[in-house]
mmCIF file of all heavy atoms, coordinates in Angstrom:
data_MODEL
# 
_entry.id   MODEL 
# 
loop_
_atom_site.group_PDB 
_atom_site.id 
_atom_site.type_symbol 
_atom_site.label_atom_id 
_atom_site.label_alt_id 
_atom_site.label_comp_id 
_atom_site.label_asym_id 
_atom_site.label_entity_id 
_atom_site.label_seq_id 
_atom_site.pdbx_PDB_ins_code 
_atom_site.Cartn_x 
_atom_site.Cartn_y 
_atom_site.Cartn_z 
_atom_site.occupancy 
_atom_site.B_iso_or_equiv 
_atom_site.pdbx_formal_charge 
_atom_site.auth_seq_id 
_atom_site.auth_comp_id 
_atom_site.auth_asym_id 
_atom_site.auth_atom_id 
_atom_site.pdbx_PDB_model_num 
ATOM 1   N N   . GLY A 1 1  ? -14.636 -7.418 2.707  1.00 0.00 ? 1  GLY A N   1 
ATOM 2   C CA  . GLY A 1 1  ? -13.969 -7.291 4.048  1.00 0.00 ? 1  GLY A CA  1 
ATOM 3   C C   . GLY A 1 1  ? -12.492 -7.219 3.892  1.00 0.00 ? 1  GLY A C   1 
ATOM 4   O O   . GLY A 1 1  ? -11.806 -7.055 4.956  1.00 0.00 ? 1  GLY A O   1 
ATOM 5   N N   . ASP A 1 2  ? -11.893 -7.385 2.660  1.00 0.00 ? 2  ASP A N   1 
ATOM 6   C CA  . ASP A 1 2  ? -10.498 -7.331 2.450  1.00 0.00 ? 2  ASP A CA  1 
ATOM 7   C C   . ASP A 1 2  ? -10.029 -5.840 2.806  1.00 0.00 ? 2  ASP A C   1 
ATOM 8   O O   . ASP A 1 2  ? -10.449 -4.969 2.229  1.00 0.00 ? 2  ASP A O   1 
ATOM 9   C CB  . ASP A 1 2  ? -10.115 -7.592 1.108  1.00 0.00 ? 2  ASP A CB  1 
ATOM 10  C CG  . ASP A 1 2  ? -9.965  -9.189 0.833  1.00 0.00 ? 2  ASP A CG  1 
ATOM 11  O OD1 . ASP A 1 2  ? -9.879  -9.904 1.837  1.00 0.00 ? 2  ASP A OD1 1 
ATOM 12  O OD2 . ASP A 1 2  ? -9.849  -9.602 -0.328 1.00 0.00 ? 2  ASP A OD2 1 
ATOM 13  N N   . ALA A 1 3  ? -8.948  -5.858 3.541  1.00 0.00 ? 3  ALA A N   1 
ATOM 14  C CA  . ALA A 1 3  ? -8.221  -4.517 3.668  1.00 0.00 ? 3  ALA A CA  1 
ATOM 15  C C   . ALA A 1 3  ? -7.432  -4.328 2.398  1.00 0.00 ? 3  ALA A C   1 
ATOM 16  O O   . ALA A 1 3  ? -6.742  -5.253 1.967  1.00 0.00 ? 3  ALA A O   1 
ATOM 17  C CB  . ALA A 1 3  ? -7.305  -4.511 4.851  1.00 0.00 ? 3  ALA A CB  1 
ATOM 18  N N   . MET A 1 4  ? -7.492  -3.169 1.809  1.00 0.00 ? 4  MET A N   1 
ATOM 19  C CA  . MET A 1 4  ? -6.728  -2.893 0.604  1.00 0.00 ? 4  MET A CA  1 
ATOM 20  C C   . MET A 1 4  ? -5.768  -1.746 0.803  1.00 0.00 ? 4  MET A C   1 
ATOM 21  O O   . MET A 1 4  ? -6.025  -0.848 1.764  1.00 0.00 ? 4  MET A O   1 
ATOM 22  C CB  . MET A 1 4  ? -7.675  -2.514 -0.510 1.00 0.00 ? 4  MET A CB  1 
ATOM 23  C CG  . MET A 1 4  ? -8.620  -3.650 -1.002 1.00 0.00 ? 4  MET A CG  1 
ATOM 24  S SD  . MET A 1 4  ? -7.698  -4.993 -1.722 1.00 0.00 ? 4  MET A SD  1 
ATOM 25  C CE  . MET A 1 4  ? -7.088  -4.299 -3.299 1.00 0.00 ? 4  MET A CE  1 
ATOM 26  N N   . GLY A 1 5  ? -4.712  -1.671 0.023  1.00 0.00 ? 5  GLY A N   1 
ATOM 27  C CA  . GLY A 1 5  ? -3.736  -0.573 0.163  1.00 0.00 ? 5  GLY A CA  1 
ATOM 28  C C   . GLY A 1 5  ? -3.161  -0.144 -1.151 1.00 0.00 ? 5  GLY A C   1 
ATOM 29  O O   . GLY A 1 5  ? -3.213  -0.846 -2.124 1.00 0.00 ? 5  GLY A O   1 
ATOM 30  N N   . TRP A 1 6  ? -2.684  1.011  -1.000 1.00 0.00 ? 6  TRP A N   1 
ATOM 31  C CA  . TRP A 1 6  ? -1.766  1.541  -2.117 1.00 0.00 ? 6  TRP A CA  1 
ATOM 32  C C   . TRP A 1 6  ? -0.336  1.561  -1.624 1.00 0.00 ? 6  TRP A C   1 
ATOM 33  O O   . TRP A 1 6  ? 0.044   1.776  -0.530 1.00 0.00 ? 6  TRP A O   1 
ATOM 34  C CB  . TRP A 1 6  ? -2.127  3.033  -2.440 1.00 0.00 ? 6  TRP A CB  1 
ATOM 35  C CG  . TRP A 1 6  ? -3.302  3.216  -3.259 1.00 0.00 ? 6  TRP A CG  1 
ATOM 36  C CD1 . TRP A 1 6  ? -4.686  3.362  -2.855 1.00 0.00 ? 6  TRP A CD1 1 
ATOM 37  C CD2 . TRP A 1 6  ? -3.443  3.127  -4.689 1.00 0.00 ? 6  TRP A CD2 1 
ATOM 38  N NE1 . TRP A 1 6  ? -5.499  3.418  -3.926 1.00 0.00 ? 6  TRP A NE1 1 
ATOM 39  C CE2 . TRP A 1 6  ? -4.759  3.252  -5.108 1.00 0.00 ? 6  TRP A CE2 1 
ATOM 40  C CE3 . TRP A 1 6  ? -2.473  2.954  -5.641 1.00 0.00 ? 6  TRP A CE3 1 
ATOM 41  C CZ2 . TRP A 1 6  ? -5.150  3.284  -6.423 1.00 0.00 ? 6  TRP A CZ2 1 
ATOM 42  C CZ3 . TRP A 1 6  ? -2.912  2.961  -6.952 1.00 0.00 ? 6  TRP A CZ3 1 
ATOM 43  C CH2 . TRP A 1 6  ? -4.293  3.006  -7.421 1.00 0.00 ? 6  TRP A CH2 1 
ATOM 44  N N   . TYR A 1 7  ? 0.459   1.101  -2.646 1.00 0.00 ? 7  TYR A N   1 
ATOM 45  C CA  . TYR A 1 7  ? 1.904   0.926  -2.429 1.00 0.00 ? 7  TYR A CA  1 
ATOM 46  C C   . TYR A 1 7  ? 2.657   1.897  -3.409 1.00 0.00 ? 7  TYR A C   1 
ATOM 47  O O   . TYR A 1 7  ? 2.142   2.081  -4.420 1.00 0.00 ? 7  TYR A O   1 
ATOM 48  C CB  . TYR A 1 7  ? 2.304   -0.510 -2.616 1.00 0.00 ? 7  TYR A CB  1 
ATOM 49  C CG  . TYR A 1 7  ? 1.673   -1.506 -1.731 1.00 0.00 ? 7  TYR A CG  1 
ATOM 50  C CD1 . TYR A 1 7  ? 0.287   -1.853 -1.913 1.00 0.00 ? 7  TYR A CD1 1 
ATOM 51  C CD2 . TYR A 1 7  ? 2.313   -2.087 -0.750 1.00 0.00 ? 7  TYR A CD2 1 
ATOM 52  C CE1 . TYR A 1 7  ? -0.285  -2.845 -1.130 1.00 0.00 ? 7  TYR A CE1 1 
ATOM 53  C CE2 . TYR A 1 7  ? 1.694   -3.097 0.139  1.00 0.00 ? 7  TYR A CE2 1 
ATOM 54  C CZ  . TYR A 1 7  ? 0.352   -3.385 -0.032 1.00 0.00 ? 7  TYR A CZ  1 
ATOM 55  O OH  . TYR A 1 7  ? -0.159  -4.362 0.695  1.00 0.00 ? 7  TYR A OH  1 
ATOM 56  N N   . ARG A 1 8  ? 3.903   2.104  -3.131 1.00 0.00 ? 8  ARG A N   1 
ATOM 57  C CA  . ARG A 1 8  ? 4.676   2.857  -4.069 1.00 0.00 ? 8  ARG A CA  1 
ATOM 58  C C   . ARG A 1 8  ? 6.103   2.354  -4.082 1.00 0.00 ? 8  ARG A C   1 
ATOM 59  O O   . ARG A 1 8  ? 6.653   1.865  -3.060 1.00 0.00 ? 8  ARG A O   1 
ATOM 60  C CB  . ARG A 1 8  ? 4.614   4.363  -3.983 1.00 0.00 ? 8  ARG A CB  1 
ATOM 61  C CG  . ARG A 1 8  ? 5.292   4.933  -2.856 1.00 0.00 ? 8  ARG A CG  1 
ATOM 62  C CD  . ARG A 1 8  ? 5.057   6.474  -2.754 1.00 0.00 ? 8  ARG A CD  1 
ATOM 63  N NE  . ARG A 1 8  ? 5.755   7.150  -1.691 1.00 0.00 ? 8  ARG A NE  1 
ATOM 64  C CZ  . ARG A 1 8  ? 5.529   8.393  -1.261 1.00 0.00 ? 8  ARG A CZ  1 
ATOM 65  N NH1 . ARG A 1 8  ? 4.620   9.077  -1.917 1.00 0.00 ? 8  ARG A NH1 1 
ATOM 66  N NH2 . ARG A 1 8  ? 6.124   8.837  -0.253 1.00 0.00 ? 8  ARG A NH2 1 
ATOM 67  N N   . GLN A 1 9  ? 6.780   2.403  -5.242 1.00 0.00 ? 9  GLN A N   1 
ATOM 68  C CA  . GLN A 1 9  ? 8.092   1.975  -5.477 1.00 0.00 ? 9  GLN A CA  1 
ATOM 69  C C   . GLN A 1 9  ? 8.790   3.185  -6.071 1.00 0.00 ? 9  GLN A C   1 
ATOM 70  O O   . GLN A 1 9  ? 8.575   3.451  -7.352 1.00 0.00 ? 9  GLN A O   1 
ATOM 71  C CB  . GLN A 1 9  ? 8.286   0.802  -6.191 1.00 0.00 ? 9  GLN A CB  1 
ATOM 72  C CG  . GLN A 1 9  ? 9.648   0.191  -6.160 1.00 0.00 ? 9  GLN A CG  1 
ATOM 73  C CD  . GLN A 1 9  ? 9.759   -1.278 -6.759 1.00 0.00 ? 9  GLN A CD  1 
ATOM 74  O OE1 . GLN A 1 9  ? 8.821   -1.661 -7.335 1.00 0.00 ? 9  GLN A OE1 1 
ATOM 75  N NE2 . GLN A 1 9  ? 10.733  -1.944 -6.374 1.00 0.00 ? 9  GLN A NE2 1 
ATOM 76  N N   . SER A 1 10 ? 9.777   3.724  -5.346 1.00 0.00 ? 10 SER A N   1 
ATOM 77  C CA  . SER A 1 10 ? 10.604  4.844  -5.927 1.00 0.00 ? 10 SER A CA  1 
ATOM 78  C C   . SER A 1 10 ? 11.787  4.248  -6.532 1.00 0.00 ? 10 SER A C   1 
ATOM 79  O O   . SER A 1 10 ? 12.179  3.134  -6.172 1.00 0.00 ? 10 SER A O   1 
ATOM 80  C CB  . SER A 1 10 ? 10.927  5.881  -4.845 1.00 0.00 ? 10 SER A CB  1 
ATOM 81  O OG  . SER A 1 10 ? 9.794   6.370  -4.203 1.00 0.00 ? 10 SER A OG  1 
ATOM 82  N N   . PRO A 1 11 ? 12.452  4.896  -7.450 1.00 0.00 ? 11 PRO A N   1 
ATOM 83  C CA  . PRO A 1 11 ? 13.638  4.333  -8.096 1.00 0.00 ? 11 PRO A CA  1 
ATOM 84  C C   . PRO A 1 11 ? 14.683  3.927  -7.186 1.00 0.00 ? 11 PRO A C   1 
ATOM 85  O O   . PRO A 1 11 ? 15.118  4.681  -6.226 1.00 0.00 ? 11 PRO A O   1 
ATOM 86  C CB  . PRO A 1 11 ? 14.137  5.516  -8.901 1.00 0.00 ? 11 PRO A CB  1 
ATOM 87  C CG  . PRO A 1 11 ? 12.921  6.400  -9.217 1.00 0.00 ? 11 PRO A CG  1 
ATOM 88  C CD  . PRO A 1 11 ? 12.162  6.157  -7.982 1.00 0.00 ? 11 PRO A CD  1 
ATOM 89  N N   . GLY A 1 12 ? 15.108  2.678  -7.252 1.00 0.00 ? 12 GLY A N   1 
ATOM 90  C CA  . GLY A 1 12 ? 16.181  2.175  -6.437 1.00 0.00 ? 12 GLY A CA  1 
ATOM 91  C C   . GLY A 1 12 ? 15.753  1.702  -4.968 1.00 0.00 ? 12 GLY A C   1 
ATOM 92  O O   . GLY A 1 12 ? 16.424  1.330  -4.116 1.00 0.00 ? 12 GLY A O   1 
ATOM 93  N N   . LYS A 1 13 ? 14.426  1.799  -4.731 1.00 0.00 ? 13 LYS A N   1 
ATOM 94  C CA  . LYS A 1 13 ? 13.938  1.452  -3.426 1.00 0.00 ? 13 LYS A CA  1 
ATOM 95  C C   . LYS A 1 13 ? 12.899  0.417  -3.480 1.00 0.00 ? 13 LYS A C   1 
ATOM 96  O O   . LYS A 1 13 ? 12.449  0.004  -4.519 1.00 0.00 ? 13 LYS A O   1 
ATOM 97  C CB  . LYS A 1 13 ? 13.248  2.702  -2.661 1.00 0.00 ? 13 LYS A CB  1 
ATOM 98  C CG  . LYS A 1 13 ? 14.369  3.819  -2.574 1.00 0.00 ? 13 LYS A CG  1 
ATOM 99  C CD  . LYS A 1 13 ? 13.611  4.988  -1.759 1.00 0.00 ? 13 LYS A CD  1 
ATOM 100 C CE  . LYS A 1 13 ? 14.587  6.000  -1.458 1.00 0.00 ? 13 LYS A CE  1 
ATOM 101 N NZ  . LYS A 1 13 ? 14.033  7.274  -0.726 1.00 0.00 ? 13 LYS A NZ  1 
ATOM 102 N N   . GLN A 1 14 ? 12.645  -0.171 -2.330 1.00 0.00 ? 14 GLN A N   1 
ATOM 103 C CA  . GLN A 1 14 ? 11.560  -1.324 -2.200 1.00 0.00 ? 14 GLN A CA  1 
ATOM 104 C C   . GLN A 1 14 ? 10.211  -0.709 -2.273 1.00 0.00 ? 14 GLN A C   1 
ATOM 105 O O   . GLN A 1 14 ? 9.949   0.408  -1.894 1.00 0.00 ? 14 GLN A O   1 
ATOM 106 C CB  . GLN A 1 14 ? 11.823  -2.106 -0.891 1.00 0.00 ? 14 GLN A CB  1 
ATOM 107 C CG  . GLN A 1 14 ? 12.978  -2.930 -0.871 1.00 0.00 ? 14 GLN A CG  1 
ATOM 108 C CD  . GLN A 1 14 ? 13.059  -3.805 0.430  1.00 0.00 ? 14 GLN A CD  1 
ATOM 109 O OE1 . GLN A 1 14 ? 12.457  -3.437 1.380  1.00 0.00 ? 14 GLN A OE1 1 
ATOM 110 N NE2 . GLN A 1 14 ? 13.631  -4.947 0.231  1.00 0.00 ? 14 GLN A NE2 1 
ATOM 111 N N   . ARG A 1 15 ? 9.290   -1.448 -2.631 1.00 0.00 ? 15 ARG A N   1 
ATOM 112 C CA  . ARG A 1 15 ? 7.794   -1.165 -2.684 1.00 0.00 ? 15 ARG A CA  1 
ATOM 113 C C   . ARG A 1 15 ? 7.389   -1.071 -1.249 1.00 0.00 ? 15 ARG A C   1 
ATOM 114 O O   . ARG A 1 15 ? 7.667   -2.130 -0.462 1.00 0.00 ? 15 ARG A O   1 
ATOM 115 C CB  . ARG A 1 15 ? 7.057   -2.127 -3.533 1.00 0.00 ? 15 ARG A CB  1 
ATOM 116 C CG  . ARG A 1 15 ? 5.613   -1.879 -3.697 1.00 0.00 ? 15 ARG A CG  1 
ATOM 117 C CD  . ARG A 1 15 ? 5.009   -2.606 -4.890 1.00 0.00 ? 15 ARG A CD  1 
ATOM 118 N NE  . ARG A 1 15 ? 5.407   -3.986 -4.878 1.00 0.00 ? 15 ARG A NE  1 
ATOM 119 C CZ  . ARG A 1 15 ? 5.321   -4.731 -6.026 1.00 0.00 ? 15 ARG A CZ  1 
ATOM 120 N NH1 . ARG A 1 15 ? 4.925   -4.209 -7.118 1.00 0.00 ? 15 ARG A NH1 1 
ATOM 121 N NH2 . ARG A 1 15 ? 5.623   -5.960 -6.026 1.00 0.00 ? 15 ARG A NH2 1 
ATOM 122 N N   . ILE A 1 16 ? 6.663   -0.055 -0.866 1.00 0.00 ? 16 ILE A N   1 
ATOM 123 C CA  . ILE A 1 16 ? 6.211   0.028  0.520  1.00 0.00 ? 16 ILE A CA  1 
ATOM 124 C C   . ILE A 1 16 ? 4.700   0.462  0.434  1.00 0.00 ? 16 ILE A C   1 
ATOM 125 O O   . ILE A 1 16 ? 4.209   1.103  -0.453 1.00 0.00 ? 16 ILE A O   1 
ATOM 126 C CB  . ILE A 1 16 ? 7.012   1.008  1.233  1.00 0.00 ? 16 ILE A CB  1 
ATOM 127 C CG1 . ILE A 1 16 ? 6.920   2.469  0.644  1.00 0.00 ? 16 ILE A CG1 1 
ATOM 128 C CG2 . ILE A 1 16 ? 8.406   0.646  1.410  1.00 0.00 ? 16 ILE A CG2 1 
ATOM 129 C CD1 . ILE A 1 16 ? 7.424   3.614  1.450  1.00 0.00 ? 16 ILE A CD1 1 
ATOM 130 N N   . PRO A 1 17 ? 3.932   0.051  1.479  1.00 0.00 ? 17 PRO A N   1 
ATOM 131 C CA  . PRO A 1 17 ? 2.621   0.572  1.612  1.00 0.00 ? 17 PRO A CA  1 
ATOM 132 C C   . PRO A 1 17 ? 2.490   1.879  2.081  1.00 0.00 ? 17 PRO A C   1 
ATOM 133 O O   . PRO A 1 17 ? 3.314   2.288  2.990  1.00 0.00 ? 17 PRO A O   1 
ATOM 134 C CB  . PRO A 1 17 ? 2.008   -0.514 2.646  1.00 0.00 ? 17 PRO A CB  1 
ATOM 135 C CG  . PRO A 1 17 ? 3.124   -0.934 3.423  1.00 0.00 ? 17 PRO A CG  1 
ATOM 136 C CD  . PRO A 1 17 ? 4.387   -0.870 2.614  1.00 0.00 ? 17 PRO A CD  1 
ATOM 137 N N   . ILE A 1 18 ? 1.652   2.750  1.507  1.00 0.00 ? 18 ILE A N   1 
ATOM 138 C CA  . ILE A 1 18 ? 1.635   4.142  1.857  1.00 0.00 ? 18 ILE A CA  1 
ATOM 139 C C   . ILE A 1 18 ? 0.175   4.511  2.472  1.00 0.00 ? 18 ILE A C   1 
ATOM 140 O O   . ILE A 1 18 ? 0.045   5.487  3.235  1.00 0.00 ? 18 ILE A O   1 
ATOM 141 C CB  . ILE A 1 18 ? 1.970   5.129  0.819  1.00 0.00 ? 18 ILE A CB  1 
ATOM 142 C CG1 . ILE A 1 18 ? 1.036   4.921  -0.441 1.00 0.00 ? 18 ILE A CG1 1 
ATOM 143 C CG2 . ILE A 1 18 ? 3.409   4.934  0.381  1.00 0.00 ? 18 ILE A CG2 1 
ATOM 144 C CD1 . ILE A 1 18 ? 1.106   6.001  -1.386 1.00 0.00 ? 18 ILE A CD1 1 
ATOM 145 N N   . ALA A 1 19 ? -0.742  3.714  2.027  1.00 0.00 ? 19 ALA A N   1 
ATOM 146 C CA  . ALA A 1 19 ? -2.168  3.999  2.607  1.00 0.00 ? 19 ALA A CA  1 
ATOM 147 C C   . ALA A 1 19 ? -2.968  2.787  2.543  1.00 0.00 ? 19 ALA A C   1 
ATOM 148 O O   . ALA A 1 19 ? -2.840  1.956  1.667  1.00 0.00 ? 19 ALA A O   1 
ATOM 149 C CB  . ALA A 1 19 ? -2.926  5.088  1.686  1.00 0.00 ? 19 ALA A CB  1 
ATOM 150 N N   . THR A 1 20 ? -3.768  2.599  3.541  1.00 0.00 ? 20 THR A N   1 
ATOM 151 C CA  . THR A 1 20 ? -4.603  1.379  3.681  1.00 0.00 ? 20 THR A CA  1 
ATOM 152 C C   . THR A 1 20 ? -6.025  1.702  4.067  1.00 0.00 ? 20 THR A C   1 
ATOM 153 O O   . THR A 1 20 ? -6.218  2.717  4.687  1.00 0.00 ? 20 THR A O   1 
ATOM 154 C CB  . THR A 1 20 ? -4.038  0.408  4.694  1.00 0.00 ? 20 THR A CB  1 
ATOM 155 O OG1 . THR A 1 20 ? -3.969  0.977  6.029  1.00 0.00 ? 20 THR A OG1 1 
ATOM 156 C CG2 . THR A 1 20 ? -2.594  0.016  4.317  1.00 0.00 ? 20 THR A CG2 1 
ATOM 157 N N   . ILE A 1 21 ? -6.953  0.761  3.732  1.00 0.00 ? 21 ILE A N   1 
ATOM 158 C CA  . ILE A 1 21 ? -8.322  1.026  3.991  1.00 0.00 ? 21 ILE A CA  1 
ATOM 159 C C   . ILE A 1 21 ? -8.935  -0.362 4.325  1.00 0.00 ? 21 ILE A C   1 
ATOM 160 O O   . ILE A 1 21 ? -8.714  -1.232 3.574  1.00 0.00 ? 21 ILE A O   1 
ATOM 161 C CB  . ILE A 1 21 ? -9.114  1.684  2.923  1.00 0.00 ? 21 ILE A CB  1 
ATOM 162 C CG1 . ILE A 1 21 ? -10.560 2.050  3.336  1.00 0.00 ? 21 ILE A CG1 1 
ATOM 163 C CG2 . ILE A 1 21 ? -9.090  0.960  1.547  1.00 0.00 ? 21 ILE A CG2 1 
ATOM 164 C CD1 . ILE A 1 21 ? -11.264 2.984  2.454  1.00 0.00 ? 21 ILE A CD1 1 
ATOM 165 N N   . THR A 1 22 ? -9.532  -0.529 5.465  1.00 0.00 ? 22 THR A N   1 
ATOM 166 C CA  . THR A 1 22 ? -10.186 -1.737 5.817  1.00 0.00 ? 22 THR A CA  1 
ATOM 167 C C   . THR A 1 22 ? -11.584 -1.898 5.085  1.00 0.00 ? 22 THR A C   1 
ATOM 168 O O   . THR A 1 22 ? -12.011 -0.968 4.502  1.00 0.00 ? 22 THR A O   1 
ATOM 169 C CB  . THR A 1 22 ? -10.390 -1.797 7.437  1.00 0.00 ? 22 THR A CB  1 
ATOM 170 O OG1 . THR A 1 22 ? -11.464 -0.786 7.749  1.00 0.00 ? 22 THR A OG1 1 
ATOM 171 C CG2 . THR A 1 22 ? -9.239  -1.572 8.171  1.00 0.00 ? 22 THR A CG2 1 
ATOM 172 N N   . GLY A 1 23 ? -12.135 -3.134 5.284  1.00 0.00 ? 23 GLY A N   1 
ATOM 173 C CA  . GLY A 1 23 ? -13.424 -3.320 4.677  1.00 0.00 ? 23 GLY A CA  1 
ATOM 174 C C   . GLY A 1 23 ? -14.494 -2.405 5.331  1.00 0.00 ? 23 GLY A C   1 
ATOM 175 O O   . GLY A 1 23 ? -15.432 -1.958 4.608  1.00 0.00 ? 23 GLY A O   1 
ATOM 176 N N   . GLY A 1 24 ? -14.287 -1.934 6.568  1.00 0.00 ? 24 GLY A N   1 
ATOM 177 C CA  . GLY A 1 24 ? -15.233 -1.097 7.167  1.00 0.00 ? 24 GLY A CA  1 
ATOM 178 C C   . GLY A 1 24 ? -14.917 0.422  6.916  1.00 0.00 ? 24 GLY A C   1 
ATOM 179 O O   . GLY A 1 24 ? -15.725 1.348  7.353  1.00 0.00 ? 24 GLY A O   1 
# 
């Protein structure tokens, strides 16, 4: 049931979520 996501961190920038998927 956990929603999971992919995050990315570009040089000099903060890590941000870019794609998410729910348990469903």
